[in-house]
Amino acid sequence: LSRESESEAALDRILRISLEPIGLAGKFEAILDVLFGISWLGIEHKGSVFLANPDGDRLDMVANRFLSAELCGVCAQVPFGHCLCGRAAQTGELVFRSHLDHEHETTFDGIADHGHYCQPILANGRLLGVLNLYVAPGHEGNHEEHIFLQSVADCTAGIVERERLEEERQRLITVVEESPDFICITETRERPLYFNRKA
C-alpha cells in the first residue's frame, strides 16, 4: 500500500509538471528528479530522455540528469538498433540489463559497470522517444518496476504530444498573423470571431 501510494503521488507530480511553463527539456529533467525520489524504485540518480528524430532513424538526447559531459557526448545521438536505448527504440519494448554486456555497444575509457532500464515512450504504437535510467550493477529488475515505468512512459508520451500540438498551434498562429491576406473567422450567421493583423 505504501509503494502504491508513493507511485500514485509520483505520477500525479509528473502530470502537474506537464502544465509548467518550463519547456520540454525542463519537464523531462523534472520527471527524472521525481523518479529519483521514489524510495522503492531501484534506480540510481542518473538518467536521460531521448526523442526520436523526425526521420525516425535515431534518438536525440534532449535532457539528462547527472551524466558526465563525456557520456552526453557519446550518447548525444543513438541510431535505432544501436546499444540498449537504440534496441528499445527499434523494438518498442522495455530493455533491461543488470550489467554491461556485449549489447551495451557505447563505451569509453574508464566506464564503470552498471545496468539500465531503457523504456520506450509510445503514443498509439508510434515511438516518441526513450526513457533511460541507470541501475546499480547486479540490480534485479522486477515486474512492479516494469509496470510503474510503463505508466511513467505513458504520462511522458502525453506531455510530448501536448507540447508538439502547442508548437504546431503557435506555428499556425504565426502564419495566420503574418499573412499579407485578409483573414477573418466568422460564425454561420456571419458574426466575426477573429481577424488577423492584416484584416
Protein backbone atom coordinates (compact mmCIF):
# COMPACT_ATOMS: atom_id res chain seq x y z
CA LEU A 1 0.00 0.00 0.00
CA SER A 2 2.87 2.35 0.80
CA ARG A 3 4.50 1.68 -2.57
CA GLU A 4 1.22 2.17 -4.38
CA SER A 5 0.62 5.46 -2.61
CA GLU A 6 4.13 6.69 -3.40
CA SER A 7 3.73 5.65 -7.04
CA GLU A 8 0.41 7.46 -7.39
CA ALA A 9 1.88 10.61 -5.81
CA ALA A 10 4.82 10.48 -8.25
CA LEU A 11 2.53 10.10 -11.28
CA ASP A 12 0.42 12.99 -10.00
CA ARG A 13 3.55 15.19 -9.76
CA ILE A 14 4.52 14.21 -13.31
CA LEU A 15 1.08 15.25 -14.58
CA ARG A 16 1.45 18.58 -12.78
CA ILE A 17 4.86 19.07 -14.40
CA SER A 18 3.14 18.86 -17.78
CA LEU A 19 1.40 22.19 -17.01
CA GLU A 20 4.53 24.09 -16.00
CA PRO A 21 5.97 26.65 -18.48
CA ILE A 22 9.50 25.21 -18.45
CA GLY A 23 9.89 23.75 -21.94
CA LEU A 24 10.13 20.09 -22.87
CA ALA A 25 13.74 19.58 -21.72
CA GLY A 26 12.94 21.19 -18.36
CA LYS A 27 9.91 18.93 -17.97
CA PHE A 28 11.99 15.84 -18.69
CA GLU A 29 14.60 16.86 -16.12
CA ALA A 30 11.84 17.43 -13.55
CA ILE A 31 10.39 13.99 -14.31
CA LEU A 32 13.79 12.38 -13.76
CA ASP A 33 14.07 14.17 -10.40
CA VAL A 34 10.64 12.82 -9.40
CA LEU A 35 11.77 9.27 -10.25
CA PHE A 36 14.99 9.67 -8.26
CA GLY A 37 12.90 10.49 -5.18
CA ILE A 38 10.91 7.23 -5.20
CA SER A 39 12.18 5.15 -2.30
CA TRP A 40 11.29 1.68 -3.61
CA LEU A 41 12.38 2.16 -7.24
CA GLY A 42 15.82 0.59 -7.66
CA ILE A 43 17.44 3.21 -9.86
CA GLU A 44 20.48 5.41 -9.41
CA HIS A 45 20.37 9.21 -9.61
CA LYS A 46 21.42 9.22 -13.26
CA GLY A 47 19.33 9.20 -16.38
CA SER A 48 18.36 10.78 -19.66
CA VAL A 49 15.46 11.21 -22.05
CA PHE A 50 15.75 10.78 -25.80
CA LEU A 51 13.31 11.82 -28.52
CA ALA A 52 13.06 10.15 -31.91
CA ASN A 53 14.23 12.45 -34.69
CA PRO A 54 11.71 13.36 -37.45
CA ASP A 55 13.26 10.88 -39.90
CA GLY A 56 12.63 8.05 -37.44
CA ASP A 57 16.11 6.54 -37.61
CA ARG A 58 17.82 7.79 -34.46
CA LEU A 59 17.34 9.07 -30.93
CA ASP A 60 18.50 12.53 -29.86
CA MET A 61 19.25 13.16 -26.19
CA VAL A 62 17.19 16.17 -25.13
CA ALA A 63 17.58 16.05 -21.34
CA ASN A 64 19.73 14.37 -18.72
CA ARG A 65 20.45 14.47 -15.02
CA PHE A 66 23.91 13.89 -13.54
CA LEU A 67 25.55 12.40 -16.64
CA SER A 68 29.16 13.29 -17.41
CA ALA A 69 29.97 15.55 -20.34
CA GLU A 70 31.83 12.65 -21.97
CA LEU A 71 28.79 10.37 -21.71
CA CYS A 72 26.48 13.09 -23.04
CA GLY A 73 28.84 13.45 -25.99
CA VAL A 74 28.96 9.79 -26.98
CA CYS A 75 25.21 9.36 -26.42
CA ALA A 76 24.04 12.64 -27.98
CA GLN A 77 22.65 10.69 -30.95
CA VAL A 78 21.86 6.98 -30.91
CA PRO A 79 20.86 5.15 -34.11
CA PHE A 80 17.88 2.81 -33.84
CA GLY A 81 19.13 -0.68 -33.03
CA HIS A 82 22.40 0.57 -31.53
CA CYS A 83 23.17 -0.10 -27.88
CA LEU A 84 20.37 -0.58 -25.34
CA CYS A 85 18.42 2.64 -25.95
CA GLY A 86 18.51 2.04 -29.70
CA ARG A 87 17.20 -1.50 -29.21
CA ALA A 88 14.34 -0.21 -27.06
CA ALA A 89 13.52 2.28 -29.83
CA GLN A 90 13.69 -0.35 -32.54
CA THR A 91 11.58 -2.97 -30.74
CA GLY A 92 9.22 -0.65 -28.87
CA GLU A 93 9.76 -2.80 -25.78
CA LEU A 94 11.47 -2.28 -22.42
CA VAL A 95 15.14 -3.27 -22.40
CA PHE A 96 16.65 -4.13 -19.00
CA ARG A 97 20.24 -5.12 -18.24
CA SER A 98 21.78 -5.51 -14.80
CA HIS A 99 25.38 -5.27 -16.06
CA LEU A 100 27.40 -4.03 -19.01
CA ASP A 101 27.44 -6.70 -21.71
CA HIS A 102 28.15 -7.08 -25.43
CA GLU A 103 24.84 -5.35 -26.28
CA HIS A 104 26.00 -2.19 -24.48
CA GLU A 105 27.91 -1.03 -27.54
CA THR A 106 28.53 2.56 -26.47
CA THR A 107 31.63 2.68 -24.30
CA PHE A 108 34.59 4.85 -23.36
CA ASP A 109 37.78 4.52 -21.33
CA GLY A 110 37.11 4.07 -17.63
CA ILE A 111 33.44 3.21 -17.95
CA ALA A 112 32.21 1.53 -14.76
CA ASP A 113 29.90 -1.46 -14.63
CA HIS A 114 26.23 -0.52 -14.40
CA GLY A 115 22.80 -1.54 -15.63
CA HIS A 116 19.92 0.15 -17.44
CA TYR A 117 16.20 0.43 -17.79
CA CYS A 118 15.50 1.68 -21.33
CA GLN A 119 11.77 2.33 -21.51
CA PRO A 120 10.22 3.30 -24.87
CA ILE A 121 7.85 6.27 -24.89
CA LEU A 122 4.99 5.38 -27.23
CA ALA A 123 1.77 7.04 -28.39
CA ASN A 124 -0.71 4.88 -30.29
CA GLY A 125 2.08 2.45 -31.16
CA ARG A 126 4.29 5.26 -32.53
CA LEU A 127 7.71 5.76 -30.96
CA LEU A 128 8.24 9.22 -29.47
CA GLY A 129 11.42 8.53 -27.51
CA VAL A 130 13.14 6.50 -24.81
CA LEU A 131 13.49 7.00 -21.06
CA ASN A 132 16.94 5.81 -19.96
CA LEU A 133 17.54 5.08 -16.26
CA TYR A 134 20.68 3.71 -14.63
CA VAL A 135 20.69 0.90 -12.07
CA ALA A 136 23.46 -0.38 -9.85
CA PRO A 137 25.36 -3.41 -11.20
CA GLY A 138 23.59 -6.60 -10.22
CA HIS A 139 20.21 -4.94 -9.64
CA GLU A 140 17.40 -7.41 -10.13
CA GLY A 141 14.61 -5.85 -12.14
CA ASN A 142 11.08 -6.86 -11.21
CA HIS A 143 7.56 -6.77 -12.58
CA GLU A 144 6.50 -3.96 -10.24
CA GLU A 145 9.24 -1.67 -11.55
CA HIS A 146 8.42 -2.58 -15.16
CA ILE A 147 4.73 -1.75 -14.73
CA PHE A 148 5.48 1.55 -12.99
CA LEU A 149 7.97 2.65 -15.68
CA GLN A 150 5.35 1.88 -18.32
CA SER A 151 2.96 4.21 -16.50
CA VAL A 152 5.64 6.91 -16.37
CA ALA A 153 6.27 6.48 -20.10
CA ASP A 154 2.54 6.81 -20.82
CA CYS A 155 2.41 10.09 -18.86
CA THR A 156 5.55 11.32 -20.60
CA ALA A 157 4.06 10.48 -24.01
CA GLY A 158 1.09 12.69 -23.18
CA ILE A 159 3.45 15.53 -22.28
CA VAL A 160 5.36 15.17 -25.57
CA GLU A 161 2.15 15.06 -27.62
CA ARG A 162 0.73 18.11 -25.85
CA GLU A 163 3.96 20.07 -26.31
CA ARG A 164 4.09 19.25 -30.02
CA LEU A 165 0.46 20.22 -30.51
CA GLU A 166 1.14 23.53 -28.79
CA GLU A 167 4.19 24.14 -31.00
CA GLU A 168 2.08 23.41 -34.09
CA ARG A 169 -0.66 25.74 -32.85
CA GLN A 170 1.87 28.52 -32.33
CA ARG A 171 3.26 27.98 -35.85
CA LEU A 172 -0.23 28.22 -37.34
CA ILE A 173 -0.98 31.36 -35.35
CA THR A 174 2.25 32.93 -36.62
CA VAL A 175 1.43 32.02 -40.23
CA VAL A 176 -2.08 33.46 -39.96
CA GLU A 177 -0.98 36.60 -38.13
CA GLU A 178 1.89 37.34 -40.54
CA SER A 179 -0.13 36.57 -43.66
CA PRO A 180 -0.48 39.51 -46.12
CA ASP A 181 -4.02 38.29 -46.78
CA PHE A 182 -7.20 39.41 -45.05
CA ILE A 183 -8.26 36.51 -42.79
CA CYS A 184 -11.48 36.52 -40.82
CA ILE A 185 -13.24 33.69 -38.96
CA THR A 186 -16.98 34.08 -38.57
CA GLU A 187 -19.94 32.20 -37.21
CA THR A 188 -22.55 30.83 -39.61
CA ARG A 189 -24.58 34.00 -39.04
CA GLU A 190 -21.53 35.99 -40.12
CA ARG A 191 -20.74 37.44 -36.71
CA PRO A 192 -16.92 37.86 -36.76
CA LEU A 193 -14.95 35.86 -34.20
CA TYR A 194 -11.40 36.64 -35.27
CA PHE A 195 -9.44 38.98 -37.55
CA ASN A 196 -5.76 38.57 -38.31
CA ARG A 197 -3.41 41.56 -38.11
CA LYS A 198 -3.83 42.44 -41.80
CA ALA A 199 -7.64 42.36 -41.50
